[in-house]
Protein backbone atom coordinates (compact mmCIF):
# COMPACT_ATOMS: atom_id res chain seq x y z
CA MET A 1 64.59 -40.51 124.03
CA ARG A 2 65.48 -44.19 124.52
CA LYS A 3 64.87 -46.32 121.46
CA PRO A 4 62.88 -49.54 122.01
CA VAL A 5 64.00 -53.13 122.30
CA ILE A 6 62.18 -55.51 119.94
CA ALA A 7 62.20 -59.31 120.28
CA ILE A 8 61.32 -61.53 117.32
CA ASP A 9 61.11 -65.27 117.94
CA GLY A 10 59.84 -68.10 115.81
CA TYR A 11 60.53 -71.22 113.82
CA SER A 12 63.46 -71.72 111.48
CA SER A 13 63.06 -70.22 107.99
CA THR A 14 60.18 -67.91 108.87
CA GLY A 15 62.37 -65.01 107.84
CA LYS A 16 63.20 -63.77 111.34
CA SER A 17 66.71 -62.56 110.56
CA SER A 18 66.15 -61.00 107.16
CA ILE A 19 62.94 -59.32 108.32
CA SER A 20 64.58 -58.03 111.50
CA LYS A 21 67.49 -56.69 109.46
CA ILE A 22 65.20 -54.66 107.19
CA ILE A 23 63.14 -53.31 110.10
CA ALA A 24 66.34 -52.32 111.88
CA HIS A 25 67.45 -50.37 108.81
CA LYS A 26 64.07 -48.65 108.46
CA LEU A 27 63.92 -47.62 112.12
CA GLY A 28 67.57 -46.91 112.80
CA LEU A 29 68.02 -49.84 115.18
CA VAL A 30 70.83 -52.37 115.61
CA HIS A 31 69.94 -55.89 114.43
CA LEU A 32 71.38 -58.83 116.34
CA ASP A 33 70.93 -62.31 114.86
CA THR A 34 71.32 -64.50 117.94
CA GLY A 35 71.01 -67.65 115.84
CA ALA A 36 74.33 -66.73 114.27
CA LEU A 37 75.94 -66.89 117.73
CA TYR A 38 74.83 -70.50 118.21
CA ARG A 39 75.86 -71.34 114.67
CA GLY A 40 79.25 -69.78 115.37
CA ILE A 41 79.78 -72.05 118.38
CA THR A 42 78.60 -75.02 116.30
CA TYR A 43 81.15 -74.11 113.62
CA PHE A 44 83.90 -73.99 116.27
CA ALA A 45 82.80 -77.34 117.71
CA LEU A 46 82.75 -79.10 114.35
CA ASN A 47 86.22 -77.82 113.55
CA ASN A 48 87.84 -78.28 116.94
CA CYS A 49 85.89 -80.62 119.21
CA LEU A 50 85.13 -83.84 117.38
CA GLY A 51 85.55 -87.15 119.19
CA GLU A 52 86.94 -90.35 117.69
CA ASP A 53 83.40 -91.26 116.63
CA GLY A 54 83.18 -88.12 114.49
CA LYS A 55 80.58 -86.53 116.78
CA ILE A 56 80.90 -83.30 118.75
CA ASN A 57 82.53 -83.83 122.14
CA LEU A 58 80.44 -81.50 124.29
CA GLU A 59 82.66 -81.72 127.36
CA GLU A 60 85.66 -80.62 125.33
CA LEU A 61 83.63 -77.76 123.85
CA PHE A 62 82.62 -76.52 127.30
CA MET A 63 86.24 -76.55 128.44
CA ARG A 64 87.29 -74.48 125.42
CA PHE A 65 84.80 -71.61 125.76
CA ASN A 66 87.73 -69.34 126.63
CA GLU A 67 89.03 -69.89 123.08
CA ILE A 68 85.82 -68.62 121.49
CA GLN A 69 85.47 -64.95 120.63
CA LEU A 70 82.30 -64.20 118.70
CA GLU A 71 81.51 -60.70 117.52
CA PHE A 72 79.42 -58.82 115.01
CA LYS A 73 81.39 -56.38 112.87
CA PRO A 74 79.80 -53.74 110.63
CA ILE A 75 80.63 -54.33 106.96
CA ASP A 76 78.91 -52.03 104.46
CA THR A 77 75.41 -51.79 106.00
CA GLU A 78 75.36 -55.19 107.75
CA LEU A 79 76.63 -56.73 110.96
CA VAL A 80 78.73 -59.76 109.99
CA MET A 81 79.56 -62.68 112.30
CA PHE A 82 83.24 -63.21 113.09
CA LEU A 83 84.81 -66.06 115.05
CA ASN A 84 88.26 -65.29 116.42
CA GLY A 85 88.76 -62.67 113.73
CA GLN A 86 87.51 -64.83 110.84
CA ASP A 87 84.41 -63.94 108.81
CA ILE A 88 82.23 -67.07 109.06
CA SER A 89 78.97 -65.55 107.84
CA THR A 90 78.73 -67.93 104.86
CA GLU A 91 80.18 -71.03 106.54
CA ILE A 92 77.57 -71.01 109.33
CA ARG A 93 74.70 -71.40 106.84
CA THR A 94 75.61 -74.88 105.57
CA ASN A 95 73.45 -77.97 106.06
CA GLU A 96 76.12 -79.45 108.34
CA ILE A 97 75.80 -76.52 110.72
CA SER A 98 71.99 -76.65 110.53
CA GLN A 99 72.01 -80.36 111.40
CA ASN A 100 74.10 -79.78 114.53
CA VAL A 101 73.08 -76.35 115.82
CA SER A 102 70.03 -77.56 117.75
CA LEU A 103 72.24 -79.93 119.76
CA ILE A 104 74.55 -77.05 120.64
CA ALA A 105 71.69 -74.65 121.40
CA SER A 106 70.06 -77.16 123.74
CA GLN A 107 73.06 -77.21 126.08
CA LYS A 108 72.63 -75.18 129.27
CA GLU A 109 76.35 -74.44 129.33
CA VAL A 110 76.19 -72.85 125.88
CA ARG A 111 73.09 -70.79 126.65
CA ASP A 112 74.60 -69.56 129.92
CA PHE A 113 77.79 -68.65 128.07
CA LEU A 114 75.84 -66.42 125.66
CA LEU A 115 73.11 -65.09 127.97
CA ASP A 116 74.93 -62.14 129.53
CA ALA A 117 76.48 -61.13 126.21
CA GLN A 118 73.08 -60.95 124.53
CA ARG A 119 71.52 -58.95 127.37
CA GLU A 120 74.45 -56.56 127.40
CA MET A 121 73.98 -55.95 123.67
CA ALA A 122 70.39 -54.79 124.29
CA LYS A 123 71.00 -52.86 127.51
CA LYS A 124 70.98 -49.38 125.99
CA GLY A 125 67.96 -49.98 123.77
CA GLY A 126 67.70 -49.39 120.04
CA VAL A 127 67.98 -53.11 119.31
CA ILE A 128 65.94 -55.67 117.41
CA MET A 129 66.99 -59.21 118.36
CA ASP A 130 65.75 -62.42 116.80
CA GLY A 131 66.01 -66.02 117.91
CA ARG A 132 63.97 -68.66 119.70
CA ASP A 133 63.93 -67.54 123.33
CA ILE A 134 64.40 -63.79 123.09
CA GLY A 135 60.99 -62.75 124.39
CA THR A 136 60.81 -65.55 126.98
CA VAL A 137 64.36 -65.74 128.39
CA ILE A 138 66.88 -63.29 126.96
CA LEU A 139 64.77 -60.12 126.91
CA PRO A 140 61.55 -60.84 128.83
CA LYS A 141 60.99 -57.09 129.30
CA ALA A 142 61.36 -56.18 125.61
CA ASP A 143 59.12 -53.31 124.53
CA PHE A 144 57.66 -55.32 121.65
CA LYS A 145 57.53 -59.08 121.10
CA PHE A 146 56.62 -60.99 117.95
CA PHE A 147 56.45 -64.72 117.19
CA LEU A 148 56.73 -65.83 113.56
CA THR A 149 55.44 -69.11 112.22
CA ALA A 150 54.74 -70.64 108.80
CA SER A 151 53.89 -74.03 107.31
CA VAL A 152 56.64 -76.63 106.95
CA GLU A 153 56.05 -76.67 103.18
CA GLU A 154 56.59 -72.94 102.85
CA ARG A 155 59.62 -72.91 105.13
CA THR A 156 61.17 -75.80 103.19
CA LYS A 157 60.82 -73.85 99.98
CA ARG A 158 62.39 -70.74 101.47
CA ARG A 159 65.29 -72.59 103.07
CA PHE A 160 66.00 -74.59 99.91
CA LEU A 161 66.16 -71.44 97.80
CA GLU A 162 68.37 -69.74 100.38
CA LEU A 163 70.87 -72.60 100.34
CA ARG A 164 70.91 -72.72 96.54
CA SER A 165 71.54 -68.96 96.41
CA LEU A 166 74.54 -69.45 98.71
CA GLY A 167 75.93 -72.13 96.41
CA PHE A 168 75.17 -75.16 98.60
CA GLU A 169 73.94 -78.34 96.89
CA THR A 170 70.97 -79.99 98.60
CA ASP A 171 67.46 -81.24 97.92
CA GLU A 172 64.07 -80.23 99.29
CA ASN A 173 63.46 -83.49 101.14
CA THR A 174 66.72 -83.15 103.09
CA VAL A 175 65.84 -79.56 103.95
CA ARG A 176 62.32 -80.53 105.03
CA GLU A 177 63.51 -83.35 107.29
CA ASN A 178 66.09 -81.04 108.85
CA LEU A 179 63.42 -78.42 109.60
CA ILE A 180 61.08 -80.98 111.18
CA SER A 181 63.91 -82.35 113.31
CA ARG A 182 64.97 -78.86 114.42
CA ASP A 183 61.38 -77.90 115.26
CA LYS A 184 61.10 -80.94 117.53
CA THR A 185 64.47 -80.42 119.20
CA ASP A 186 64.01 -76.68 119.69
CA SER A 187 60.50 -77.02 121.09
CA GLU A 188 61.18 -79.96 123.40
CA ARG A 189 64.60 -79.09 124.80
CA ALA A 190 64.75 -78.74 128.58
CA VAL A 191 66.59 -75.41 128.56
CA ALA A 192 64.93 -72.31 127.06
CA PRO A 193 62.70 -74.13 124.55
CA LEU A 194 61.20 -72.43 121.52
CA LYS A 195 57.82 -71.08 122.57
CA LYS A 196 55.69 -67.99 122.27
CA ALA A 197 55.90 -65.42 125.03
CA GLU A 198 52.48 -64.82 126.55
CA ASP A 199 52.50 -61.18 125.44
CA ALA A 200 53.93 -61.79 121.95
CA ILE A 201 52.05 -60.99 118.76
CA VAL A 202 51.79 -64.12 116.57
CA ILE A 203 52.25 -63.75 112.82
CA ASP A 204 51.73 -66.71 110.49
CA ASN A 205 53.44 -65.59 107.29
CA SER A 206 52.85 -68.77 105.26
CA ASN A 207 50.98 -66.72 102.67
CA PHE A 208 52.71 -63.39 103.19
CA THR A 209 55.62 -61.99 101.26
CA LYS A 210 58.58 -60.68 103.22
CA ASN A 211 57.45 -57.10 102.62
CA GLN A 212 53.92 -57.88 103.78
CA THR A 213 55.27 -59.39 106.99
CA ILE A 214 57.47 -56.35 107.55
CA ASP A 215 54.56 -53.96 107.01
CA LEU A 216 52.43 -55.94 109.47
CA ILE A 217 55.11 -55.80 112.15
CA LEU A 218 55.67 -52.09 111.57
CA SER A 219 51.95 -51.48 111.98
CA HIS A 220 52.22 -52.71 115.57
CA LEU A 221 55.19 -50.51 116.47
CA THR A 222 53.22 -47.59 117.86
CA TYR A 223 56.35 -46.32 119.60
CA PHE A 224 57.46 -44.65 116.37
């Protein structure tokens, strides 16, 4: 029997990736963090495509797509992001990447570059994929769709603690401003903006623990 395809979209720091990862483990699915793909391209751009003004040269990035090989490799029980054979799973979580990833993700050329790859990953089913346009653009025919949201205050707290746990120095105000900026950019971009699919189940987990959110999502998965 074919296993389902599950799409989880939502705002930054609502726990999409970590929640999807746990659900995938519980249900025997493959978890694909599409945000890591955009962060991987951002990492490449910041290291290889800066103009004289210190900003990302988008035209140069587009011309160098053939130099970018992104892949998830299984390490222990997780799929880890690699760029051209290098494990970049920690590097792509820095504030610098977060401050630039929305610019990269808003480019039609980048989204087109990744579209077919993401669809191919889900073709055989048995996948839970999280991002911002999974249920609306990438996998509009997903068996189940969820949209996660939470207050800016709660998301700031979560993101700040995540960065501290990874060893990155920052402050809550910087994190909060970055989240607000990303929300605006992601929601207003012309190509595949962040929005809820009409048939998605909305979950505001401002006052939920991660486990409570997971249990709520699982309660909707009648397929199993």
